[in-house]
Structures are given as structure tokens and as C-alpha cells.
Protein backbone atom coordinates (compact mmCIF):
# COMPACT_ATOMS: atom_id res chain seq x y z
CA MET A 1 67.18 5.31 34.13
CA LEU A 2 64.11 3.55 35.44
CA VAL A 3 63.93 2.28 38.99
CA ILE A 4 61.60 -0.36 40.43
CA THR A 5 59.89 1.54 43.23
CA ASN A 6 57.64 -1.26 44.41
CA ILE A 7 56.77 -4.92 43.88
CA LYS A 8 53.12 -5.11 44.83
CA THR A 9 51.21 -8.31 45.46
CA SER A 10 48.21 -8.98 43.24
CA ARG A 11 44.84 -10.58 43.88
CA ILE A 12 45.67 -12.96 41.05
CA PRO A 13 47.64 -15.99 42.32
CA ASN A 14 51.38 -16.07 41.47
CA ARG A 15 51.25 -12.51 40.09
CA VAL A 16 52.83 -9.27 41.28
CA ASN A 17 52.85 -5.79 39.79
CA LEU A 18 56.19 -4.13 39.14
CA VAL A 19 55.86 -0.40 39.77
CA PHE A 20 58.44 1.90 38.15
CA SER A 21 59.74 5.39 38.84
CA ASP A 22 57.85 6.83 35.85
CA GLN A 23 54.56 5.74 37.53
CA SER A 24 54.04 2.89 35.05
CA TYR A 25 53.58 -0.73 36.06
CA LEU A 26 53.63 -4.23 34.59
CA PRO A 27 51.94 -7.48 35.67
CA PHE A 28 54.62 -10.05 36.37
CA LEU A 29 54.94 -13.71 37.30
CA ILE A 30 56.38 -13.96 40.79
CA ASP A 31 58.79 -16.73 39.75
CA ASP A 32 60.28 -14.38 37.15
CA VAL A 33 60.99 -11.78 39.84
CA ILE A 34 63.33 -14.30 41.44
CA LYS A 35 64.71 -15.51 38.11
CA LEU A 36 65.65 -11.98 37.04
CA SER A 37 66.84 -10.98 40.56
CA LEU A 38 64.46 -8.01 40.71
CA THR A 39 64.27 -6.05 43.96
CA LYS A 40 62.66 -2.86 45.17
CA ASN A 41 64.67 0.32 44.41
CA SER A 42 66.85 -1.52 41.89
CA PRO A 43 67.83 0.51 38.79
CA ILE A 44 66.83 -0.92 35.41
CA ASP A 45 69.06 -0.44 32.38
CA GLN A 46 67.86 -1.10 28.85
CA SER A 47 69.05 -4.70 28.68
CA LYS A 48 67.29 -5.57 31.96
CA LEU A 49 64.18 -3.69 30.81
CA ASP A 50 64.07 -5.79 27.62
CA LEU A 51 64.15 -8.96 29.73
CA ILE A 52 61.36 -7.61 31.94
CA LEU A 53 59.18 -6.63 28.97
CA ASN A 54 59.65 -9.99 27.29
CA ALA A 55 58.91 -11.93 30.49
CA SER A 56 55.82 -9.87 31.32
CA LEU A 57 54.37 -10.13 27.83
CA LYS A 58 55.02 -13.87 27.63
CA TYR A 59 53.41 -14.39 31.04
CA LEU A 60 50.30 -12.41 30.06
CA GLY A 61 50.13 -14.15 26.69
CA ILE A 62 50.34 -17.67 28.12
CA GLU A 63 47.70 -16.88 30.75
CA TYR A 64 45.40 -15.54 28.03
CA ALA A 65 46.09 -18.48 25.69
CA LEU A 66 45.36 -21.06 28.39
CA ARG A 67 42.06 -19.34 29.20
CA GLN A 68 41.12 -19.43 25.52
CA ILE A 69 41.97 -23.12 25.22
CA ALA A 70 39.95 -23.86 28.37
CA ILE A 71 36.90 -22.25 26.74
CA SER A 72 37.20 -24.40 23.61
CA PRO A 73 39.89 -26.21 21.55
CA LYS A 74 41.97 -23.95 19.32
CA THR A 75 44.10 -24.42 16.21
CA GLU A 76 47.49 -22.76 15.75
CA LYS A 77 45.91 -20.35 13.28
CA ILE A 78 43.06 -19.35 15.61
CA LEU A 79 45.29 -18.93 18.66
CA THR A 80 47.86 -16.92 16.69
CA PHE A 81 45.14 -14.52 15.56
CA LYS A 82 43.68 -14.19 19.05
CA LEU A 83 47.10 -13.58 20.63
CA LYS A 84 47.91 -10.86 18.11
CA GLN A 85 44.60 -9.14 18.92
CA PHE A 86 45.24 -9.53 22.66
CA PHE A 87 48.79 -8.17 22.45
CA LYS A 88 47.66 -5.24 20.33
CA LYS A 89 45.36 -4.17 23.17
CA THR A 90 47.90 -5.04 25.88
CA THR A 91 50.72 -3.00 24.34
CA GLN A 92 48.34 -0.04 24.15
CA LYS A 93 47.26 -0.46 27.77
CA PHE A 94 50.71 -0.55 29.41
CA LYS A 95 53.01 2.42 28.82
CA LEU A 96 56.27 0.47 28.82
CA PHE A 97 55.05 -1.78 25.99
CA SER A 98 54.63 1.19 23.64
CA GLY A 99 56.14 0.27 20.27
CA TYR A 100 57.14 -3.19 21.51
CA SER A 101 57.19 -5.90 18.80
CA TYR A 102 55.24 -8.93 19.99
CA LEU A 103 55.28 -11.19 16.90
CA ALA A 104 58.19 -13.33 18.15
CA THR A 105 56.42 -13.74 21.50
CA VAL A 106 53.26 -14.93 19.74
CA GLU A 107 55.22 -17.51 17.75
CA GLY A 108 57.02 -18.68 20.88
CA ILE A 109 53.82 -19.14 22.88
CA VAL A 110 52.03 -21.01 20.09
CA SER A 111 55.07 -23.26 19.58
CA GLU A 112 55.34 -23.99 23.31
CA LEU A 113 51.67 -24.85 23.72
CA ASN A 114 51.72 -26.93 20.56
CA SER A 115 54.70 -28.93 21.86
CA LYS A 116 52.64 -29.71 24.97
CA ASN A 117 49.80 -31.05 22.75
CA LEU A 118 47.45 -28.28 23.86
CA LEU A 119 46.66 -27.40 20.24
CA ASN A 120 45.64 -30.88 19.13
CA PRO A 121 43.94 -30.69 15.68
CA ALA A 122 41.89 -33.84 16.36
CA ASN A 123 40.36 -32.26 19.47
CA PHE A 124 39.43 -29.17 17.50
CA VAL A 125 37.88 -31.20 14.65
CA PHE A 126 35.77 -33.23 17.10
CA TYR A 127 34.63 -30.04 18.86
CA PHE A 128 33.92 -28.19 15.62
CA ILE A 129 31.86 -31.02 14.09
CA ASN A 130 29.72 -31.34 17.23
CA LYS A 131 29.18 -27.59 17.31
CA ASN A 132 28.16 -27.46 13.64
CA LYS A 133 25.97 -30.54 13.25
CA SER A 134 23.38 -28.58 11.30
CA LYS A 135 25.91 -27.62 8.60
CA SER A 136 26.61 -29.69 5.53
CA LYS A 137 29.62 -31.89 4.90
CA SER A 138 31.04 -29.45 2.38
CA GLN A 139 30.49 -26.47 4.67
CA ILE A 140 32.23 -28.15 7.58
CA LYS A 141 35.20 -29.18 5.44
CA PHE A 142 35.42 -25.67 4.04
CA LEU A 143 35.27 -24.02 7.45
CA LEU A 144 37.79 -26.43 8.99
CA ALA A 145 40.25 -25.64 6.23
CA ARG A 146 39.79 -21.91 6.89
CA GLN A 147 40.69 -22.54 10.54
CA GLY A 148 44.03 -24.03 9.55
CA ILE A 149 43.07 -27.72 9.64
CA ASP A 150 44.58 -30.07 7.05
CA ILE A 151 41.37 -31.96 6.29
CA SER A 152 43.28 -34.61 4.30
CA GLN A 153 44.53 -35.91 7.65
CA PHE A 154 41.01 -36.83 8.77
CA ASN A 155 38.49 -39.32 7.35
CA LEU A 156 35.71 -36.74 7.26
CA ASP A 157 33.72 -38.39 4.45
CA GLN A 158 32.78 -41.23 6.79
CA THR A 159 32.41 -39.02 9.86
CA LEU A 160 30.19 -36.28 8.47
CA PRO A 161 26.54 -36.64 7.37
CA ASP A 162 25.96 -36.36 3.62
CA ASN A 163 23.25 -33.69 3.66
CA ASP A 164 24.59 -31.10 1.21
CA LEU A 165 21.49 -31.03 -0.98
CA SER A 166 19.15 -30.43 1.96
CA ALA A 167 21.48 -27.72 3.31
CA ILE A 168 21.43 -25.93 -0.05
CA THR A 169 17.63 -26.19 -0.15
CA LYS A 170 17.42 -24.64 3.31
CA PHE A 171 19.62 -21.78 2.13
CA LEU A 172 17.39 -21.18 -0.90
CA SER A 173 14.25 -21.23 1.26
CA LYS A 174 15.75 -18.89 3.83
CA LYS A 175 16.72 -16.42 1.10
CA LYS A 176 13.27 -16.85 -0.49
CA ILE A 177 14.76 -17.58 -3.88
CA THR A 178 12.20 -17.80 -6.69
CA SER A 179 12.24 -19.10 -10.27
CA LYS A 180 12.37 -15.46 -11.32
CA ASP A 181 15.68 -15.08 -9.46
CA ILE A 182 17.13 -18.12 -11.20
CA ALA A 183 15.96 -16.85 -14.59
CA ASN A 184 17.88 -13.62 -14.04
CA PHE A 185 21.52 -14.19 -15.03
CA ASN A 186 23.04 -11.75 -12.52
CA ALA A 187 20.88 -12.98 -9.63
CA LYS A 188 21.58 -16.61 -10.50
CA SER A 189 25.34 -15.96 -10.65
CA LYS A 190 25.28 -14.36 -7.19
CA ILE A 191 23.36 -17.34 -5.76
CA TYR A 192 25.82 -19.83 -7.24
CA ALA A 193 28.80 -17.78 -6.06
CA SER A 194 27.40 -17.48 -2.54
CA LEU A 195 26.84 -21.23 -2.27
CA PHE A 196 30.22 -22.05 -3.82
CA ARG A 197 31.97 -19.83 -1.25
CA ARG A 198 30.28 -21.89 1.46
CA GLY A 199 32.08 -24.97 0.15
CA PHE A 200 29.32 -26.62 -1.87
CA GLN A 201 30.12 -28.44 -5.11
CA MET A 202 28.74 -26.94 -8.33
CA SER A 203 27.03 -30.23 -9.25
CA ASP A 204 25.22 -30.29 -5.88
CA ILE A 205 24.22 -26.62 -6.22
CA LYS A 206 22.67 -27.25 -9.64
CA ALA A 207 20.90 -30.43 -8.51
CA ALA A 208 19.50 -28.77 -5.39
CA ILE A 209 18.28 -25.72 -7.31
CA ASP A 210 16.59 -27.93 -9.92
CA ASP A 211 14.81 -29.92 -7.20
CA TYR A 212 13.91 -26.72 -5.33
CA LEU A 213 12.32 -25.13 -8.40
CA LYS A 214 10.22 -28.25 -9.07
CA LEU A 215 8.50 -27.65 -5.74
CA LYS A 216 7.67 -24.06 -6.58
């Protein structure tokens, strides 16, 4: 049976490190030490260990999530992905987390932060549009949808600039597309597919390519 051999203070505010008899340790919120009635030299059975693991992982996950949100707004989809990546590394770093399932903890953290309006879709849309002003309307809609945003909830047609044709032309120029490329069926298909994947409409792709070739 494990024993808590020490509860060491940390340089990080409100954090301590629980040190165990197998030489492992876990970062822990000091309030949870009191909540779980943890003391030095106290034995830890499996049920108490499960509570400790869950509390430690949730604490680390919330701290990480709040730092990520402070850097820039996040959607539920983005934060869920980032938390899974973070927990994958965390469970490999700390011995006691070995084999621990963290999916329920991820869902709980995302749900809790969402209930506190910290994952506001409108904030993310505003941030994303400002960050991607050079992209076309179709590209921005496409990318927002990939980030888990329901674009039907926002009046993006009036908010976003209608510059799809110029964006397609810039793409063609950057790739140095020539009339020879367009004349080749396979090359033309790849160009169309690449632009379509970026969210452009087929009618706009054709119109932009026609105008582009007239200048060549």
C-alpha cells in the first residue's frame, strides 16, 4: 500500500507536491489536500488513490486549459484536442498516471469551462476573422466549420469581405500556374480539388481561372 511520505510546497501558488513511498509524486491543488483529508505518513488505499489521481489530473487540466484560453479564444473542439494531447504527455510523465483513462476528465473540464462562458463561440469567431483578414470569405467559413463553429449561427456574409476571386488568383500566381497546367486534365483536376478543399465555390474557381488565363 502506498503512503504519502511528504507534502511539499511548490513555487507555483496554491500548489503542493504529494510525494509517495514508491518515490513518485503528483502536483496537487492545496485546497484538495484539505478536501480529501490528506496528511503526511497517511496510507493510501486504491479508492483514495483514485480520488487523488482524478483530483490531480483535473487540477492540471484546468490550469492548462485556462492558460490556453488566455493566449487566445478556443472552441470546444480545439480545447478538447489540446487537452487530450496535454494529458497524453502528462500521463507519461507521472508514474502514478500510467494507464489512467483521462477522457472523462477532458469532457468534464470542457463542460465546466463552457458553462462559465469561457468557450464563447462569438469570441472565437471575432478573433479568428481578425487573425485571418487576408483569407477569403469561403476560406474563413470553411476553416471556422473545421474548428467546430456552427457558421449558420453567425451572419458571416455581411461581416466578411467578398474577395474570393482575388484570393483564388493569388493562389494561382503563388503556385505559378500556367495555361499549360490548365490544359492538362490531371493538373487541372488537382488545382480544382486543391481550391475546393480550401472552401471555394466551383463557379468562383472557374471564373477566377478564366480571368487569370486572360492575363497570361
